[in-house]
């Protein structure tokens, strides 16, 4: 992978991380905004609900006390001293028969004007039962579009301790969205807090839609970036393959041409006759390379059936490898048959060439020709490095090369075995691979039609 591709992938990854960060910030901002809107709306409704609750329950208690002790009894007396900036409340205690006095003085006139609320006074008359108040508040919330689960708590404003709550034991919901504490009474001792469920299931539908949409967009963009990175890597691999392909092609063509030029430059050399067969073998290699390249551009081969002498063909192949041990065994009774001599010769030459090329130590190849069920079978067995099991189903695919074979130093294009398969299929036969220890065996099967039967 070159530097340009690595830089592009790095930029994409940085962009993805930045996008994820922006998505997270946007989601958190939307979450905080929705929480703020929820708590502001809930605070207004809670204040309204507390006022209604206190008025109803305070005067219900007022009527019940008068009904018991007579209409002359005043259950509570409240007053506001504007000059002294003071709130005063007297509440009748039936047990002692006396009035309990509650009073608060404000130092600042502005504070007095803001907090001198009659509702605060009524709290000392009847208090707030969280369970009863929660039922009233829940109904008000639902009428105003708030359906997020919530709990109601009365707390000590000095210590923050929860005095009473509507939360049930064992409830695993997280009530983390907290409204501001609403003061209860005029003595600043107690307050009322409403908490909302902050989990995904408890969030408002609009907020859940925002979060899920954000997550979907993020996942989609991440998938697209991953696909783009894979495309870039694939293009780089194709580019590397083309460069390697051209390099090998030049190498395969240049070596025979250089050798031929050297031979032809010295026709009077004493070694000239010995070098002619080697030159012919190298020309044959170029011819085979051309056939394989041509097969790479088509899906099928056009063959011309003519007489083929398998003995002469295999003898020619054996003569092309003087440095290898080629053992040829041909079953008795096999006579000349009909096949395409060029393509069949090239296919067998390719199998033998692979067997020699991938046998780094002892270059031993066994060729066995026999008949079986109306087919002519040609086995090419070697004792080389072999083919790992996971790659065997792929060896006949075009351009495929076994990675492990790079250790042998052999070069190629991944076209040879795909060409052999095309030759076999063009004749109506097939090619198969059998693993051996060591090495492997390729079996080429084509219909056997003796020329004597024509």
Protein backbone atom coordinates (compact mmCIF):
# COMPACT_ATOMS: atom_id res chain seq x y z
CA UNK A 1 0.00 0.00 0.00
CA UNK A 2 1.56 3.25 -1.11
CA UNK A 3 1.79 6.47 0.86
CA UNK A 4 -1.04 8.18 -1.01
CA UNK A 5 -3.54 5.43 -0.16
CA UNK A 6 -2.41 5.36 3.48
CA UNK A 7 -2.85 9.13 3.69
CA UNK A 8 -6.34 8.91 2.15
CA UNK A 9 -7.36 6.18 4.60
CA UNK A 10 -5.95 8.17 7.52
CA UNK A 11 -7.91 11.26 6.42
CA UNK A 12 -11.08 9.17 6.15
CA UNK A 13 -10.55 7.69 9.61
CA UNK A 14 -9.90 11.13 11.11
CA UNK A 15 -13.01 12.39 9.35
CA UNK A 16 -15.03 9.49 10.74
CA UNK A 17 -13.79 10.15 14.28
CA UNK A 18 -14.55 13.87 13.89
CA UNK A 19 -18.01 13.07 12.55
CA UNK A 20 -18.69 10.74 15.44
CA UNK A 21 -17.56 13.45 17.82
CA UNK A 22 -19.82 16.04 16.19
CA UNK A 23 -22.72 13.59 16.25
CA UNK A 24 -22.10 12.96 19.95
CA UNK A 25 -21.96 16.71 20.69
CA UNK A 26 -25.10 17.34 18.65
CA UNK A 27 -26.91 14.48 20.39
CA UNK A 28 -25.87 15.68 23.85
CA UNK A 29 -26.90 19.22 22.95
CA UNK A 30 -30.29 17.99 21.75
CA UNK A 31 -30.64 15.87 24.89
CA UNK A 32 -29.85 18.82 27.19
CA UNK A 33 -32.20 21.08 25.23
CA UNK A 34 -35.04 18.58 25.47
CA UNK A 35 -34.37 18.08 29.20
CA UNK A 36 -34.36 21.82 29.75
CA UNK A 37 -37.63 22.22 27.84
CA UNK A 38 -39.18 19.34 29.80
CA UNK A 39 -38.15 20.64 33.21
CA UNK A 40 -39.21 24.22 32.44
CA UNK A 41 -42.65 23.09 31.30
CA UNK A 42 -42.96 20.65 34.20
CA UNK A 43 -41.98 23.35 36.73
CA UNK A 44 -44.80 25.63 35.57
CA UNK A 45 -47.34 22.82 35.69
CA UNK A 46 -46.07 21.60 39.08
CA UNK A 47 -46.40 25.08 40.58
CA UNK A 48 -49.94 25.27 39.23
CA UNK A 49 -50.73 21.79 40.58
CA UNK A 50 -49.33 22.64 44.05
CA UNK A 51 -51.48 25.78 44.21
CA UNK A 52 -54.62 23.84 43.26
CA UNK A 53 -53.80 21.02 45.66
CA UNK A 54 -53.20 23.35 48.60
CA UNK A 55 -56.34 25.43 48.01
CA UNK A 56 -58.56 22.37 47.71
CA UNK A 57 -57.12 20.50 50.69
CA UNK A 58 -56.65 23.53 52.95
CA UNK A 59 -60.26 24.67 52.65
CA UNK A 60 -61.49 21.07 52.84
CA UNK A 61 -59.74 20.90 56.20
CA UNK A 62 -61.13 24.34 57.08
CA UNK A 63 -64.71 23.10 56.49
CA UNK A 64 -64.11 19.83 58.39
CA UNK A 65 -62.83 21.67 61.49
CA UNK A 66 -65.73 24.12 61.45
CA UNK A 67 -68.17 21.29 61.03
CA UNK A 68 -66.74 19.67 64.16
CA UNK A 69 -66.10 22.68 66.38
CA UNK A 70 -68.66 25.12 65.06
CA UNK A 71 -68.75 27.94 62.58
CA UNK A 72 -67.30 30.38 65.09
CA UNK A 73 -64.03 28.44 65.03
CA UNK A 74 -61.37 29.82 62.68
CA UNK A 75 -59.12 26.86 61.72
CA UNK A 76 -56.35 29.13 60.50
CA UNK A 77 -55.66 32.81 60.28
CA UNK A 78 -53.09 34.30 57.95
CA UNK A 79 -51.88 37.77 57.31
CA UNK A 80 -49.33 39.83 55.43
CA UNK A 81 -47.62 42.79 57.09
CA UNK A 82 -46.42 44.92 54.22
CA UNK A 83 -44.80 47.51 56.48
CA UNK A 84 -42.89 44.97 58.49
CA UNK A 85 -42.28 42.79 55.45
CA UNK A 86 -43.57 39.81 57.36
CA UNK A 87 -45.80 36.76 56.75
CA UNK A 88 -47.76 35.42 59.71
CA UNK A 89 -49.88 32.27 60.00
CA UNK A 90 -51.89 30.92 62.95
CA UNK A 91 -53.13 27.35 62.69
CA UNK A 92 -55.57 25.81 65.19
CA UNK A 93 -54.35 22.63 66.91
CA UNK A 94 -57.34 20.51 68.03
CA UNK A 95 -55.23 18.49 70.47
CA UNK A 96 -53.94 21.45 72.47
CA UNK A 97 -56.87 23.73 71.73
CA UNK A 98 -54.43 26.50 70.90
CA UNK A 99 -53.12 28.18 67.77
CA UNK A 100 -49.67 27.38 66.40
CA UNK A 101 -47.95 30.50 65.06
CA UNK A 102 -45.70 30.43 62.01
CA UNK A 103 -43.96 33.58 60.93
CA UNK A 104 -41.31 34.71 58.53
CA UNK A 105 -39.74 38.12 58.12
CA UNK A 106 -38.05 39.21 54.89
CA UNK A 107 -35.13 41.60 55.08
CA UNK A 108 -35.47 42.92 51.56
CA UNK A 109 -38.64 44.38 50.14
CA UNK A 110 -37.99 42.79 46.74
CA UNK A 111 -37.66 39.35 48.36
CA UNK A 112 -40.84 39.94 50.31
CA UNK A 113 -42.75 40.98 47.19
CA UNK A 114 -41.54 37.86 45.36
CA UNK A 115 -42.06 35.22 48.05
CA UNK A 116 -45.10 36.50 49.95
CA UNK A 117 -47.31 33.88 48.31
CA UNK A 118 -50.55 32.78 49.99
CA UNK A 119 -49.95 29.23 48.70
CA UNK A 120 -46.84 29.02 50.85
CA UNK A 121 -48.98 29.81 53.86
CA UNK A 122 -51.59 27.18 53.04
CA UNK A 123 -48.93 24.43 53.02
CA UNK A 124 -48.77 24.64 56.82
CA UNK A 125 -52.48 23.92 56.99
CA UNK A 126 -52.73 20.68 55.08
CA UNK A 127 -49.21 19.78 53.86
CA UNK A 128 -48.62 17.75 50.69
CA UNK A 129 -49.19 13.99 50.46
CA UNK A 130 -46.82 12.89 47.62
CA UNK A 131 -49.01 9.96 46.54
CA UNK A 132 -52.23 11.99 46.26
CA UNK A 133 -50.42 14.94 44.71
CA UNK A 134 -48.67 12.65 42.17
CA UNK A 135 -52.02 11.40 40.87
CA UNK A 136 -53.20 14.95 40.40
CA UNK A 137 -49.90 16.01 38.79
CA UNK A 138 -49.80 13.01 36.45
CA UNK A 139 -53.23 13.88 35.12
CA UNK A 140 -52.13 17.48 34.53
CA UNK A 141 -48.91 16.35 32.81
CA UNK A 142 -50.76 14.05 30.44
CA UNK A 143 -53.25 16.76 29.49
CA UNK A 144 -50.28 18.92 28.53
CA UNK A 145 -48.39 16.28 26.53
CA UNK A 146 -45.87 15.12 29.17
CA UNK A 147 -45.84 11.32 29.32
CA UNK A 148 -42.33 10.71 30.62
CA UNK A 149 -42.39 8.59 33.83
CA UNK A 150 -41.70 10.64 36.94
CA UNK A 151 -41.57 10.54 40.73
CA UNK A 152 -42.49 13.19 43.30
CA UNK A 153 -40.32 13.83 46.35
CA UNK A 154 -40.51 16.12 49.35
CA UNK A 155 -37.01 17.03 50.54
CA UNK A 156 -35.30 18.86 53.38
CA UNK A 157 -34.05 22.04 51.74
CA UNK A 158 -31.19 22.41 54.18
CA UNK A 159 -29.71 18.90 53.89
CA UNK A 160 -31.20 17.71 50.59
CA UNK A 161 -32.45 14.50 52.27
CA UNK A 162 -35.54 12.90 50.77
CA UNK A 163 -38.37 12.94 53.29
CA UNK A 164 -41.10 11.24 51.26
CA UNK A 165 -41.13 9.83 47.72
CA UNK A 166 -43.46 8.10 45.29
CA UNK A 167 -40.62 5.91 43.92
CA UNK A 168 -41.26 2.19 44.34
CA UNK A 169 -38.70 -0.19 45.76
CA UNK A 170 -37.09 -2.32 43.07
CA UNK A 171 -37.83 0.19 40.32
CA UNK A 172 -34.66 0.13 38.20
CA UNK A 173 -35.50 3.23 36.21
CA UNK A 174 -33.08 6.13 36.52
CA UNK A 175 -34.89 9.32 37.45
CA UNK A 176 -31.98 11.61 36.62
CA UNK A 177 -33.78 14.57 35.02
CA UNK A 178 -34.51 16.86 37.98
CA UNK A 179 -36.70 19.94 38.14
CA UNK A 180 -35.74 22.82 40.42
CA UNK A 181 -36.88 22.48 44.02
CA UNK A 182 -40.26 24.14 44.62
CA UNK A 183 -40.35 25.71 48.15
CA UNK A 184 -43.14 24.52 50.46
CA UNK A 185 -44.25 26.73 53.32
CA UNK A 186 -42.86 29.97 54.61
CA UNK A 187 -40.16 28.56 56.87
CA UNK A 188 -37.81 27.33 54.06
CA UNK A 189 -37.54 23.87 55.59
CA UNK A 190 -39.17 21.68 52.98
CA UNK A 191 -39.41 21.62 49.20
CA UNK A 192 -40.98 19.56 46.44
CA UNK A 193 -38.95 17.96 43.64
CA UNK A 194 -40.15 16.23 40.47
CA UNK A 195 -37.73 13.81 38.77
CA UNK A 196 -38.14 12.28 35.29
CA UNK A 197 -36.84 8.99 33.91
CA UNK A 198 -33.58 9.74 32.03
CA UNK A 199 -33.20 6.33 30.33
CA UNK A 200 -33.88 5.83 26.61
CA UNK A 201 -37.23 4.14 27.29
CA UNK A 202 -38.34 7.03 29.47
CA UNK A 203 -37.35 9.81 27.12
CA UNK A 204 -39.94 11.72 25.16
CA UNK A 205 -40.74 10.25 21.76
CA UNK A 206 -39.24 13.24 19.95
CA UNK A 207 -35.95 12.88 21.83
CA UNK A 208 -35.84 9.14 21.19
CA UNK A 209 -36.40 9.85 17.50
CA UNK A 210 -33.50 12.34 17.51
CA UNK A 211 -31.16 9.88 19.22
CA UNK A 212 -32.12 6.93 17.02
CA UNK A 213 -31.89 9.05 13.85
CA UNK A 214 -28.48 10.33 14.90
CA UNK A 215 -27.32 6.78 15.60
CA UNK A 216 -28.67 5.54 12.25
CA UNK A 217 -26.95 8.37 10.36
CA UNK A 218 -23.68 7.70 12.17
CA UNK A 219 -23.82 3.95 11.44
CA UNK A 220 -24.69 4.62 7.77
CA UNK A 221 -21.82 7.06 7.33
CA UNK A 222 -19.44 4.66 9.10
CA UNK A 223 -20.51 1.85 6.75
CA UNK A 224 -20.05 4.08 3.71
CA UNK A 225 -16.58 5.12 4.89
CA UNK A 226 -15.62 1.50 5.52
CA UNK A 227 -16.82 0.59 2.03
CA UNK A 228 -14.86 3.52 0.60
CA UNK A 229 -11.73 2.38 2.42
CA UNK A 230 -12.24 -1.15 1.09
CA UNK A 231 -12.63 0.24 -2.43
CA UNK A 232 -9.41 2.22 -2.05
CA UNK A 233 -7.58 -0.84 -0.76
CA UNK A 234 -9.04 -2.93 -3.59
CA UNK A 235 -7.95 -0.38 -6.18
CA UNK A 236 -4.49 -0.32 -4.65
CA UNK A 237 -4.31 -4.12 -4.80
CA UNK A 238 -5.41 -4.04 -8.43
CA UNK A 239 -2.76 -1.44 -9.15
CA UNK A 240 -0.12 -3.56 -7.39
CA UNK A 241 -1.33 -6.63 -9.28
CA UNK A 242 -1.08 -4.81 -12.63
CA UNK A 243 2.44 -3.66 -11.83
CA UNK A 244 3.46 -7.16 -10.76
CA UNK A 245 1.71 -8.65 -13.80
CA UNK A 246 3.56 -6.37 -16.22
CA UNK A 247 6.85 -6.99 -14.42
CA UNK A 248 6.44 -10.77 -14.66
CA UNK A 249 5.28 -10.54 -18.25
CA UNK A 250 8.35 -8.55 -19.26
CA UNK A 251 10.56 -10.99 -17.37
CA UNK A 252 8.95 -14.05 -19.00
CA UNK A 253 9.31 -12.60 -22.51
CA UNK A 254 12.71 -10.96 -22.14
CA UNK A 255 14.63 -14.02 -20.92
CA UNK A 256 13.81 -16.25 -23.94
CA UNK A 257 14.45 -13.40 -26.36
CA UNK A 258 17.84 -12.63 -24.79
CA UNK A 259 18.75 -16.31 -24.94
CA UNK A 260 17.69 -16.58 -28.61
CA UNK A 261 19.71 -13.50 -29.52
CA UNK A 262 22.74 -15.02 -27.82
CA UNK A 263 22.31 -18.33 -29.65
CA UNK A 264 21.71 -16.76 -33.06
CA UNK A 265 24.68 -14.42 -32.64
CA UNK A 266 27.08 -17.43 -32.61
CA UNK A 267 25.85 -19.97 -35.21
CA UNK A 268 29.39 -21.39 -35.56
CA UNK A 269 29.77 -22.08 -31.86
CA UNK A 270 30.37 -25.72 -30.94
CA UNK A 271 27.54 -25.52 -28.40
CA UNK A 272 25.04 -24.31 -31.03
CA UNK A 273 23.41 -27.75 -31.70
CA UNK A 274 22.97 -28.37 -27.99
CA UNK A 275 21.35 -25.00 -27.47
CA UNK A 276 18.75 -25.42 -30.22
CA UNK A 277 16.40 -27.67 -28.13
CA UNK A 278 16.69 -25.24 -25.23
CA UNK A 279 15.81 -22.36 -27.54
CA UNK A 280 12.82 -24.30 -28.85
CA UNK A 281 11.65 -24.90 -25.28
CA UNK A 282 11.90 -21.20 -24.53
CA UNK A 283 9.94 -20.37 -27.69
CA UNK A 284 7.35 -22.88 -26.56
CA UNK A 285 7.19 -21.09 -23.21
CA UNK A 286 6.43 -17.80 -24.98
CA UNK A 287 3.79 -19.53 -27.11
CA UNK A 288 2.18 -20.97 -23.98
CA UNK A 289 2.26 -17.54 -22.32
CA UNK A 290 0.48 -16.01 -25.31
CA UNK A 291 -2.20 -18.72 -25.20
CA UNK A 292 -2.78 -18.13 -21.49
CA UNK A 293 -3.06 -14.38 -22.02
CA UNK A 294 -5.55 -14.92 -24.82
CA UNK A 295 -7.60 -17.28 -22.65
CA UNK A 296 -7.75 -14.60 -19.95
CA UNK A 297 -9.80 -12.37 -22.26
CA UNK A 298 -12.41 -15.00 -23.17
CA UNK A 299 -14.77 -17.36 -21.39
CA UNK A 300 -14.23 -20.37 -23.68
CA UNK A 301 -11.69 -21.77 -26.10
CA UNK A 302 -12.26 -22.66 -29.73
CA UNK A 303 -10.56 -25.98 -30.38
CA UNK A 304 -9.72 -27.85 -33.57
CA UNK A 305 -9.80 -31.64 -33.22
CA UNK A 306 -6.95 -33.36 -34.97
CA UNK A 307 -4.83 -36.44 -34.52
CA UNK A 308 -2.71 -36.41 -31.36
CA UNK A 309 0.07 -38.89 -30.54
CA UNK A 310 0.28 -38.78 -26.75
CA UNK A 311 3.64 -40.58 -26.66
CA UNK A 312 5.33 -38.07 -28.94
CA UNK A 313 3.71 -35.18 -27.07
CA UNK A 314 4.95 -36.38 -23.67
CA UNK A 315 8.43 -37.15 -25.09
CA UNK A 316 8.64 -33.56 -26.33
CA UNK A 317 7.67 -32.26 -22.90
CA UNK A 318 10.24 -34.50 -21.18
CA UNK A 319 12.96 -33.28 -23.56
CA UNK A 320 12.12 -29.69 -22.54
CA UNK A 321 13.21 -30.39 -18.94
CA UNK A 322 16.64 -32.02 -19.07
CA UNK A 323 17.39 -31.07 -15.46
CA UNK A 324 14.25 -32.69 -14.01
CA UNK A 325 13.31 -36.32 -13.35
CA UNK A 326 10.26 -36.95 -15.51
CA UNK A 327 8.87 -40.50 -15.26
CA UNK A 328 6.33 -41.18 -18.01
CA UNK A 329 4.02 -44.20 -17.92
CA UNK A 330 1.51 -44.80 -20.73
CA UNK A 331 -1.02 -47.61 -20.61
CA UNK A 332 -0.70 -50.23 -23.34
CA UNK A 333 -3.25 -49.94 -26.13
CA UNK A 334 -3.56 -46.17 -26.12
CA UNK A 335 -3.29 -45.09 -29.72
CA UNK A 336 -3.55 -41.76 -31.48
CA UNK A 337 -6.79 -39.97 -30.62
CA UNK A 338 -8.63 -36.81 -31.61
CA UNK A 339 -7.98 -33.59 -29.62
CA UNK A 340 -6.62 -30.12 -30.12
CA UNK A 341 -2.85 -30.71 -30.28
CA UNK A 342 -1.88 -27.11 -29.50
CA UNK A 343 -4.13 -26.57 -26.48
CA UNK A 344 -3.66 -30.09 -25.09
CA UNK A 345 0.11 -29.76 -25.42
CA UNK A 346 0.04 -26.37 -23.75
CA UNK A 347 -2.15 -27.68 -20.91
CA UNK A 348 0.15 -30.60 -20.17
CA UNK A 349 3.21 -28.42 -20.53
CA UNK A 350 1.69 -26.01 -18.00
CA UNK A 351 1.03 -28.81 -15.47
CA UNK A 352 4.56 -30.17 -15.81
CA UNK A 353 6.06 -26.69 -15.66
CA UNK A 354 4.22 -25.99 -12.39
CA UNK A 355 5.34 -29.33 -10.98
CA UNK A 356 8.99 -28.53 -11.76
CA UNK A 357 8.76 -24.90 -10.73
CA UNK A 358 7.23 -25.63 -7.31
CA UNK A 359 9.65 -28.42 -6.45
CA UNK A 360 12.53 -26.44 -4.95
CA UNK A 361 14.66 -29.47 -4.03
CA UNK A 362 14.35 -32.69 -5.98
CA UNK A 363 12.54 -31.88 -9.24
CA UNK A 364 10.75 -35.17 -9.68
CA UNK A 365 7.57 -35.45 -11.76
CA UNK A 366 5.57 -38.60 -12.56
CA UNK A 367 3.23 -38.59 -15.59
CA UNK A 368 0.78 -41.45 -15.97
CA UNK A 369 -1.60 -41.82 -18.92
CA UNK A 370 -4.47 -44.33 -18.77
CA UNK A 371 -8.07 -44.90 -19.86
CA UNK A 372 -11.08 -44.92 -17.57
CA UNK A 373 -14.80 -45.00 -18.45
CA UNK A 374 -14.27 -43.74 -21.99
CA UNK A 375 -11.99 -40.93 -20.85
CA UNK A 376 -8.28 -40.44 -21.35
CA UNK A 377 -6.77 -39.59 -17.97
CA UNK A 378 -3.38 -37.95 -17.56
CA UNK A 379 -1.97 -37.68 -14.03
CA UNK A 380 0.82 -35.20 -13.28
CA UNK A 381 2.25 -35.90 -9.83
CA UNK A 382 4.98 -33.92 -8.08
CA UNK A 383 6.79 -34.02 -4.73
CA UNK A 384 6.97 -30.25 -4.25
CA UNK A 385 5.65 -27.76 -1.70
CA UNK A 386 2.01 -28.77 -2.26
CA UNK A 387 -1.11 -26.58 -1.94
CA UNK A 388 -2.70 -25.78 1.45
CA UNK A 389 -6.23 -27.13 1.87
CA UNK A 390 -7.93 -23.74 2.13
CA UNK A 391 -6.60 -22.71 -1.30
CA UNK A 392 -7.38 -25.89 -3.26
CA UNK A 393 -10.92 -24.86 -4.30
CA UNK A 394 -9.48 -21.60 -5.71
CA UNK A 395 -6.47 -22.78 -7.73
CA UNK A 396 -8.46 -23.00 -10.99
CA UNK A 397 -9.78 -19.42 -10.66
CA UNK A 398 -8.33 -16.87 -13.02
CA UNK A 399 -5.48 -14.74 -11.57
CA UNK A 400 -5.38 -16.72 -8.32
CA UNK A 401 -1.97 -17.57 -6.87
CA UNK A 402 -1.27 -19.39 -3.62
CA UNK A 403 0.40 -16.85 -1.28
CA UNK A 404 2.52 -19.47 0.50
CA UNK A 405 4.27 -20.34 -2.74
CA UNK A 406 6.17 -17.08 -2.75
CA UNK A 407 8.73 -18.87 -0.59
CA UNK A 408 9.81 -20.92 -3.61
CA UNK A 409 10.75 -17.77 -5.54
CA UNK A 410 8.57 -18.86 -8.50
CA UNK A 411 6.76 -16.21 -10.49
CA UNK A 412 3.53 -16.41 -12.46
CA UNK A 413 0.29 -14.74 -13.41
CA UNK A 414 -2.34 -17.02 -11.92
CA UNK A 415 -3.52 -17.94 -15.43
CA UNK A 416 -1.99 -21.38 -15.98
CA UNK A 417 -4.44 -23.61 -14.13
CA UNK A 418 -7.45 -21.60 -15.26
CA UNK A 419 -6.21 -22.12 -18.82
CA UNK A 420 -5.85 -25.88 -18.20
CA UNK A 421 -9.44 -25.97 -16.91
CA UNK A 422 -10.65 -24.15 -20.05
CA UNK A 423 -8.80 -26.65 -22.26
CA UNK A 424 -10.35 -29.59 -20.38
CA UNK A 425 -13.86 -28.11 -20.55
CA UNK A 426 -13.47 -27.23 -24.26
CA UNK A 427 -12.77 -30.94 -24.91
CA UNK A 428 -15.76 -31.98 -22.77
CA UNK A 429 -13.60 -33.09 -19.85
CA UNK A 430 -12.40 -31.72 -16.53
CA UNK A 431 -9.34 -31.16 -14.37
CA UNK A 432 -9.07 -32.18 -10.71
CA UNK A 433 -6.60 -31.80 -7.87
CA UNK A 434 -5.65 -34.41 -5.30
CA UNK A 435 -3.48 -33.63 -2.29
CA UNK A 436 -0.46 -35.87 -1.71
CA UNK A 437 2.23 -36.01 0.95
CA UNK A 438 4.36 -34.38 -0.19
CA UNK A 439 3.23 -32.50 -3.27
CA UNK A 440 -0.01 -32.92 -5.20
CA UNK A 441 -1.50 -34.63 -8.23
CA UNK A 442 -3.45 -33.03 -11.09
CA UNK A 443 -5.62 -35.28 -13.26
CA UNK A 444 -6.70 -34.10 -16.70
CA UNK A 445 -9.64 -36.05 -18.16
CA UNK A 446 -10.81 -35.67 -21.78
CA UNK A 447 -12.94 -37.92 -24.01
CA UNK A 448 -10.89 -40.66 -25.63
CA UNK A 449 -11.76 -41.00 -29.35
CA UNK A 450 -9.16 -43.15 -31.18
CA UNK A 451 -8.44 -42.11 -34.73
CA UNK A 452 -8.93 -45.75 -35.83
CA UNK A 453 -12.67 -45.41 -35.02
CA UNK A 454 -13.17 -42.56 -37.52
